[in-house]
Amino acid sequence: MENTFELDVAVLCDYLESSIDGFRGPLTAEKFAGGQSNPTYLIDAASGKYVLRRKPPGELLKSAHAVDREYRVMKALAQSDVPVPTMRILCDDDSVIGSMFYVMDYIDGRIFWDAALPTQSPQQRGAIYDAMNQVLANLHNADVEKLGLSDYGRPGNYFERQISRWTTQYRASETETLPAMEALIQWLNDNLPADDGLVCINHGDFRLDNMMFDNEQPKVLALLDWELSTLGHPYADLAYQCMQLRIPSDAAIPGLGGIDREALGIPSEQEYVRQYCQRRGIDGIDNWVFYLAFAFFRLSAILQGVYKRALDGNASSQKAKDYGALAAPLAELGVALIESGE
């Protein structure tokens, strides 16, 4: 475990015993190796297993690493059809471990790190992707007002806000000029669709390895990593999910591009979108190229931030520089998408 991410387990244990009903120490804390955003730990205590997520130490970009928002949205979604872990406590007192954190119940299940699902049969792969599609539809069908999340994001054109936000974030972490990124930013601003008024809880990082599956069945037990969630547009999540089908399989964050997905039992982009539309009761999606191009732009901006944090020594994973180096190739894929129009 890297020193900057070690926890004072004695102080933490005292706090959790006084704050969570039934919590009993002693405890151990082990940092999970994966993840680029908020350092995450397995807490093994006498009373059971829990998961702790914290803001990383060091200087952070404004509005990034909002663990309080993660906690709030998962606590609210417990009342919906979206599977989430049970939230236990949010601590905004930096004196406990050095930064804000929350604790949730540990879930015993499977995480599929490889979107090609090499250990599964074609039938199992199809069922897993179908379960993921259902969770996405359930999330976007969730009643924002009923869940008390009507103030979870700003009003107005979501894509206009997001292009502005991620352009600002990208500029703040820019280390060199990326021509494809400049072209993407220009095109997205020039081709912004009219606001259609669609609003939902937008996960912001909806992909296979952010879900915990049952150990035996193709059932999603929990949708995780809500750091980038907000009130937003449903097609941003859907396009982000489908972008993975286009990212090359040999990239640092491997996608499914160039793989015979039909032979694997993984649905095509068209089929995945069709299933989603059916579950949401809509006929189809206009401006699909825009939504996909936006997805490439946004992920490029995020990865540029990961790269900058790695250079500054604040990244939570040794793979941060490898991931960050993907910013330019992903932007180039976005430009190629625009030029081909499909």
Protein backbone atom coordinates (compact mmCIF):
# COMPACT_ATOMS: atom_id res chain seq x y z
CA MET A 1 0.00 0.00 0.00
CA GLU A 2 1.38 3.43 -0.89
CA ASN A 3 2.21 5.50 2.20
CA THR A 4 0.10 8.50 1.19
CA PHE A 5 -2.97 6.25 1.16
CA GLU A 6 -2.44 4.44 4.47
CA LEU A 7 -5.11 4.84 7.14
CA ASP A 8 -4.72 5.27 10.88
CA VAL A 9 -6.78 2.20 11.72
CA ALA A 10 -6.95 2.92 15.46
CA VAL A 11 -8.49 6.37 14.93
CA LEU A 12 -10.75 5.02 12.19
CA CYS A 13 -11.93 2.13 14.35
CA ASP A 14 -12.85 4.44 17.24
CA TYR A 15 -14.82 6.66 14.86
CA LEU A 16 -16.71 3.81 13.19
CA GLU A 17 -17.56 2.13 16.49
CA SER A 18 -19.12 5.38 17.71
CA SER A 19 -20.89 6.16 14.40
CA ILE A 20 -22.21 2.89 12.93
CA ASP A 21 -24.70 0.75 14.84
CA GLY A 22 -23.24 -2.68 15.51
CA PHE A 23 -19.74 -1.88 14.24
CA ARG A 24 -17.02 -3.59 16.31
CA GLY A 25 -13.25 -3.59 15.90
CA PRO A 26 -10.46 -4.35 15.68
CA LEU A 27 -10.21 -3.72 11.95
CA THR A 28 -7.77 -4.00 9.08
CA ALA A 29 -7.84 -1.76 6.00
CA GLU A 30 -6.50 -2.91 2.63
CA LYS A 31 -6.52 -0.62 -0.41
CA PHE A 32 -7.95 -2.08 -3.60
CA ALA A 33 -5.44 -1.89 -6.46
CA GLY A 34 -7.86 -0.76 -9.17
CA GLY A 35 -9.58 2.55 -9.71
CA GLN A 36 -8.42 5.97 -10.80
CA SER A 37 -10.73 8.22 -8.87
CA ASN A 38 -11.30 7.79 -5.15
CA PRO A 39 -9.04 5.41 -3.19
CA THR A 40 -11.13 2.47 -1.98
CA TYR A 41 -10.42 0.08 0.90
CA LEU A 42 -11.68 -3.23 2.19
CA ILE A 43 -12.41 -2.83 5.90
CA ASP A 44 -12.37 -6.18 7.69
CA ALA A 45 -13.72 -5.77 11.23
CA ALA A 46 -14.95 -8.06 13.98
CA SER A 47 -18.52 -7.11 13.01
CA GLY A 48 -18.05 -7.92 9.31
CA LYS A 49 -16.68 -6.54 6.06
CA TYR A 50 -17.24 -3.03 4.76
CA VAL A 51 -15.91 -0.81 1.97
CA LEU A 52 -14.51 2.68 2.56
CA ARG A 53 -14.10 5.28 -0.19
CA ARG A 54 -12.27 8.53 0.40
CA LYS A 55 -11.15 11.65 -1.37
CA PRO A 56 -7.49 11.29 -2.39
CA PRO A 57 -4.91 13.42 -0.59
CA GLY A 58 -3.23 16.38 -2.28
CA GLU A 59 -4.44 19.24 -4.46
CA LEU A 60 -7.57 18.30 -6.41
CA LEU A 61 -9.44 19.76 -9.36
CA LYS A 62 -12.51 21.73 -8.36
CA SER A 63 -15.68 19.58 -8.15
CA ALA A 64 -13.74 16.32 -8.56
CA HIS A 65 -13.81 13.40 -6.09
CA ALA A 66 -17.15 14.35 -4.51
CA VAL A 67 -17.61 11.32 -2.28
CA ASP A 68 -20.51 13.05 -0.53
CA ARG A 69 -22.44 13.01 -3.82
CA GLU A 70 -21.67 9.31 -4.30
CA TYR A 71 -23.02 8.60 -0.85
CA ARG A 72 -26.15 10.67 -1.37
CA VAL A 73 -27.14 9.16 -4.72
CA MET A 74 -26.62 5.55 -3.63
CA LYS A 75 -28.54 6.11 -0.39
CA ALA A 76 -31.44 7.56 -2.44
CA LEU A 77 -31.38 4.84 -5.10
CA ALA A 78 -31.80 2.17 -2.43
CA GLN A 79 -35.52 3.07 -2.77
CA SER A 80 -35.52 2.29 -6.53
CA ASP A 81 -35.02 -0.70 -8.86
CA VAL A 82 -31.34 0.18 -9.22
CA PRO A 83 -29.09 -2.22 -7.25
CA VAL A 84 -26.74 -0.33 -4.90
CA PRO A 85 -24.80 -1.21 -1.73
CA THR A 86 -26.18 -0.31 1.71
CA MET A 87 -24.74 3.02 2.83
CA ARG A 88 -23.54 3.24 6.46
CA ILE A 89 -21.91 6.61 7.19
CA LEU A 90 -20.57 9.75 5.51
CA CYS A 91 -17.73 11.50 7.36
CA ASP A 92 -16.83 15.07 6.38
CA ASP A 93 -14.38 15.49 9.27
CA ASP A 94 -10.91 15.50 7.68
CA SER A 95 -9.26 14.85 11.04
CA VAL A 96 -10.33 11.18 11.09
CA ILE A 97 -8.30 9.89 8.12
CA GLY A 98 -7.19 13.11 6.40
CA SER A 99 -10.04 13.52 3.90
CA MET A 100 -13.80 13.03 3.52
CA PHE A 101 -14.95 9.41 3.24
CA TYR A 102 -17.96 7.12 3.43
CA VAL A 103 -18.48 3.51 4.46
CA MET A 104 -20.85 1.03 2.82
CA ASP A 105 -21.52 -2.68 3.21
CA TYR A 106 -19.22 -5.11 1.43
CA ILE A 107 -20.91 -7.21 -1.24
CA ASP A 108 -19.69 -10.71 -2.05
CA GLY A 109 -19.88 -11.04 -5.80
CA ARG A 110 -18.04 -11.00 -9.13
CA ILE A 111 -16.55 -8.09 -11.03
CA PHE A 112 -15.82 -8.73 -14.69
CA TRP A 113 -12.74 -6.69 -15.54
CA ASP A 114 -12.60 -7.82 -19.17
CA ALA A 115 -15.61 -6.72 -21.26
CA ALA A 116 -15.03 -9.69 -23.59
CA LEU A 117 -15.91 -12.01 -20.68
CA PRO A 118 -13.38 -14.74 -21.63
CA THR A 119 -14.42 -17.08 -18.80
CA GLN A 120 -18.10 -17.10 -19.85
CA SER A 121 -20.04 -19.00 -22.52
CA PRO A 122 -21.77 -17.11 -25.37
CA GLN A 123 -25.12 -17.64 -23.62
CA GLN A 124 -23.73 -16.33 -20.31
CA ARG A 125 -22.19 -13.30 -22.03
CA GLY A 126 -25.49 -12.40 -23.65
CA ALA A 127 -27.28 -12.72 -20.31
CA ILE A 128 -24.70 -10.53 -18.54
CA TYR A 129 -25.00 -7.78 -21.16
CA ASP A 130 -28.78 -8.05 -21.00
CA ALA A 131 -28.70 -7.64 -17.20
CA MET A 132 -26.46 -4.59 -17.58
CA ASN A 133 -28.84 -3.11 -20.15
CA GLN A 134 -31.76 -3.62 -17.73
CA VAL A 135 -29.92 -1.80 -14.93
CA LEU A 136 -29.22 1.15 -17.24
CA ALA A 137 -32.89 1.35 -18.26
CA ASN A 138 -33.98 1.09 -14.61
CA LEU A 139 -31.63 3.90 -13.66
CA HIS A 140 -32.95 6.20 -16.36
CA ASN A 141 -36.55 5.27 -15.52
CA ALA A 142 -36.05 6.12 -11.82
CA ASP A 143 -38.25 8.97 -10.58
CA VAL A 144 -35.83 11.79 -9.75
CA GLU A 145 -38.31 13.82 -7.68
CA LYS A 146 -39.64 10.82 -5.76
CA LEU A 147 -36.07 9.91 -4.77
CA GLY A 148 -35.38 13.43 -3.52
CA LEU A 149 -32.74 14.06 -6.17
CA SER A 150 -34.34 16.89 -8.15
CA ASP A 151 -31.49 19.18 -7.05
CA TYR A 152 -28.72 16.67 -7.84
CA GLY A 153 -27.68 18.60 -10.96
CA ARG A 154 -28.20 21.91 -12.65
CA PRO A 155 -31.14 22.76 -14.95
CA GLY A 156 -30.68 23.55 -18.63
CA ASN A 157 -28.99 21.81 -21.55
CA TYR A 158 -26.97 18.95 -20.07
CA PHE A 159 -24.60 18.57 -23.01
CA GLU A 160 -23.92 22.30 -23.17
CA ARG A 161 -22.99 22.25 -19.46
CA GLN A 162 -20.92 19.11 -19.78
CA ILE A 163 -18.96 20.29 -22.81
CA SER A 164 -18.15 23.49 -20.92
CA ARG A 165 -17.28 21.62 -17.70
CA TRP A 166 -15.03 19.02 -19.30
CA THR A 167 -13.35 21.56 -21.55
CA THR A 168 -12.50 23.54 -18.40
CA GLN A 169 -11.30 20.41 -16.60
CA TYR A 170 -9.28 19.41 -19.66
CA ARG A 171 -7.62 22.84 -19.89
CA ALA A 172 -6.76 22.64 -16.17
CA SER A 173 -4.92 19.35 -16.69
CA GLU A 174 -3.60 19.92 -20.24
CA THR A 175 0.05 18.89 -20.66
CA GLU A 176 0.35 19.37 -24.43
CA THR A 177 -1.86 20.37 -27.36
CA LEU A 178 -3.86 17.45 -28.75
CA PRO A 179 -5.16 18.40 -32.24
CA ALA A 180 -7.93 15.78 -32.16
CA MET A 181 -9.17 17.11 -28.82
CA GLU A 182 -9.27 20.66 -30.22
CA ALA A 183 -11.25 19.39 -33.21
CA LEU A 184 -13.69 17.49 -30.97
CA ILE A 185 -14.31 20.50 -28.75
CA GLN A 186 -15.02 22.69 -31.78
CA TRP A 187 -17.33 20.16 -33.48
CA LEU A 188 -19.34 19.42 -30.34
CA ASN A 189 -19.96 23.11 -29.73
CA ASP A 190 -20.95 23.62 -33.38
CA ASN A 191 -23.30 20.60 -33.48
CA LEU A 192 -25.04 20.76 -30.10
CA PRO A 193 -28.61 19.37 -30.44
CA ALA A 194 -31.53 21.39 -29.15
CA ASP A 195 -32.42 20.59 -25.54
CA ASP A 196 -35.09 17.86 -25.65
CA GLY A 197 -35.88 18.18 -21.94
CA LEU A 198 -34.95 14.59 -21.06
CA VAL A 199 -33.58 14.37 -17.51
CA CYS A 200 -32.52 11.36 -15.45
CA ILE A 201 -29.93 10.23 -12.93
CA ASN A 202 -26.84 9.95 -15.10
CA HIS A 203 -24.26 7.51 -13.72
CA GLY A 204 -21.37 9.02 -15.66
CA ASP A 205 -19.16 5.91 -15.75
CA PHE A 206 -21.58 3.14 -16.71
CA ARG A 207 -19.55 0.10 -17.72
CA LEU A 208 -19.25 -3.59 -16.94
CA ASP A 209 -16.41 -3.37 -14.39
CA ASN A 210 -18.35 -0.87 -12.28
CA MET A 211 -20.89 -3.57 -11.43
CA MET A 212 -20.91 -6.38 -8.92
CA PHE A 213 -22.57 -9.54 -10.21
CA ASP A 214 -23.97 -12.51 -8.31
CA ASN A 215 -21.41 -15.32 -7.96
CA GLU A 216 -23.61 -17.78 -9.87
CA GLN A 217 -26.31 -15.90 -11.79
CA PRO A 218 -26.09 -13.12 -14.43
CA LYS A 219 -27.66 -10.75 -11.92
CA VAL A 220 -26.30 -7.31 -11.00
CA LEU A 221 -26.00 -6.98 -7.21
CA ALA A 222 -24.71 -3.41 -7.22
CA LEU A 223 -23.87 -0.58 -9.59
CA LEU A 224 -20.74 1.09 -8.17
CA ASP A 225 -18.50 4.16 -8.63
CA TRP A 226 -20.94 7.07 -8.71
CA GLU A 227 -18.29 9.79 -8.56
CA LEU A 228 -19.32 11.32 -11.90
CA SER A 229 -23.08 11.00 -11.42
CA THR A 230 -25.42 13.96 -11.81
CA LEU A 231 -28.82 14.91 -13.16
CA GLY A 232 -28.22 14.52 -16.84
CA HIS A 233 -29.24 13.12 -20.18
CA PRO A 234 -29.91 9.38 -20.51
CA TYR A 235 -28.19 9.04 -23.89
CA ALA A 236 -24.87 10.17 -22.41
CA ASP A 237 -24.72 6.98 -20.31
CA LEU A 238 -25.89 4.83 -23.21
CA ALA A 239 -23.34 6.29 -25.64
CA TYR A 240 -20.57 5.92 -23.06
CA GLN A 241 -21.49 2.26 -22.69
CA CYS A 242 -21.53 1.74 -26.45
CA MET A 243 -18.23 3.59 -26.90
CA GLN A 244 -16.54 0.57 -25.33
CA LEU A 245 -17.66 -1.49 -28.32
CA ARG A 246 -15.50 0.78 -30.50
CA ILE A 247 -12.35 1.12 -28.35
CA PRO A 248 -9.61 -1.29 -29.53
CA SER A 249 -9.23 -4.50 -27.55
CA ASP A 250 -5.49 -3.90 -27.07
CA ALA A 251 -5.85 -0.43 -25.47
CA ALA A 252 -4.72 0.23 -21.86
CA ILE A 253 -8.44 0.31 -21.04
CA PRO A 254 -9.46 -2.49 -23.43
CA GLY A 255 -12.65 -2.27 -25.43
CA LEU A 256 -14.35 -4.64 -27.83
CA GLY A 257 -13.32 -3.01 -31.11
CA GLY A 258 -12.08 -5.49 -33.71
CA ILE A 259 -13.49 -8.50 -31.82
CA ASP A 260 -16.08 -10.88 -33.33
CA ARG A 261 -18.73 -10.00 -30.77
CA GLU A 262 -21.45 -12.02 -32.48
CA ALA A 263 -19.39 -15.20 -32.05
CA LEU A 264 -18.91 -14.32 -28.38
CA GLY A 265 -22.63 -13.79 -27.80
CA ILE A 266 -22.17 -10.08 -27.05
CA PRO A 267 -24.86 -7.85 -28.62
CA SER A 268 -24.05 -5.41 -31.39
CA GLU A 269 -24.32 -1.69 -30.74
CA GLN A 270 -27.58 -1.59 -32.69
CA GLU A 271 -29.04 -4.48 -30.69
CA TYR A 272 -27.92 -3.03 -27.35
CA VAL A 273 -29.52 0.33 -28.19
CA ARG A 274 -32.68 -1.41 -29.42
CA GLN A 275 -33.03 -3.35 -26.14
CA TYR A 276 -32.53 -0.16 -24.16
CA CYS A 277 -35.13 1.75 -26.19
CA GLN A 278 -37.62 -1.11 -25.79
CA ARG A 279 -37.15 -1.07 -22.02
CA ARG A 280 -37.65 2.67 -21.88
CA GLY A 281 -40.62 2.73 -24.24
CA ILE A 282 -38.99 4.89 -26.93
CA ASP A 283 -38.84 4.38 -30.70
CA GLY A 284 -35.22 5.31 -31.38
CA ILE A 285 -32.48 7.88 -30.83
CA ASP A 286 -31.64 10.84 -33.06
CA ASN A 287 -28.19 12.52 -33.09
CA TRP A 288 -26.45 9.27 -32.13
CA VAL A 289 -23.11 10.36 -33.67
CA PHE A 290 -23.14 13.47 -31.46
CA TYR A 291 -23.72 11.44 -28.29
CA LEU A 292 -20.91 9.02 -29.17
CA ALA A 293 -18.52 11.86 -30.09
CA PHE A 294 -19.32 13.50 -26.77
CA ALA A 295 -18.51 10.22 -24.99
CA PHE A 296 -15.05 10.07 -26.60
CA PHE A 297 -14.41 13.73 -25.76
CA ARG A 298 -15.46 13.35 -22.14
CA LEU A 299 -13.43 10.19 -21.51
CA SER A 300 -10.39 11.84 -23.13
CA ALA A 301 -10.78 14.80 -20.77
CA ILE A 302 -11.12 12.48 -17.77
CA LEU A 303 -8.02 10.51 -18.74
CA GLN A 304 -6.04 13.70 -19.25
CA GLY A 305 -6.90 14.54 -15.64
CA VAL A 306 -5.72 11.08 -14.56
CA TYR A 307 -2.45 11.69 -16.43
CA LYS A 308 -1.92 15.10 -14.81
CA ARG A 309 -2.54 13.63 -11.34
CA ALA A 310 0.01 10.91 -12.10
CA LEU A 311 2.59 13.52 -13.05
CA ASP A 312 1.79 15.45 -9.85
CA GLY A 313 2.05 12.31 -7.72
CA ASN A 314 -1.60 12.24 -6.64
CA ALA A 315 -2.96 9.34 -8.72
CA SER A 316 -4.27 6.33 -6.79
CA SER A 317 -2.98 3.70 -9.24
CA GLN A 318 0.35 2.88 -10.82
CA LYS A 319 -1.44 2.42 -14.12
CA ALA A 320 -2.49 6.08 -14.17
CA LYS A 321 0.14 7.14 -16.71
CA ASP A 322 -0.83 4.29 -19.06
CA TYR A 323 -4.47 5.27 -18.84
CA GLY A 324 -3.67 8.95 -19.27
CA ALA A 325 -1.76 8.24 -22.47
CA LEU A 326 -5.08 7.11 -23.99
CA ALA A 327 -6.43 10.67 -24.07
CA ALA A 328 -5.09 11.41 -27.56
CA PRO A 329 -6.01 8.07 -29.24
CA LEU A 330 -9.58 8.27 -27.87
CA ALA A 331 -9.99 11.82 -29.16
CA GLU A 332 -8.76 10.60 -32.54
CA LEU A 333 -11.40 7.85 -32.51
CA GLY A 334 -14.01 10.52 -31.82
CA VAL A 335 -12.84 12.59 -34.80
CA ALA A 336 -12.85 9.50 -37.04
CA LEU A 337 -16.43 8.79 -35.92
CA ILE A 338 -17.50 12.33 -36.89
CA GLU A 339 -15.81 12.08 -40.26
CA SER A 340 -17.40 8.70 -41.07
CA GLY A 341 -20.80 9.73 -39.70
CA GLU A 342 -21.45 6.29 -38.22
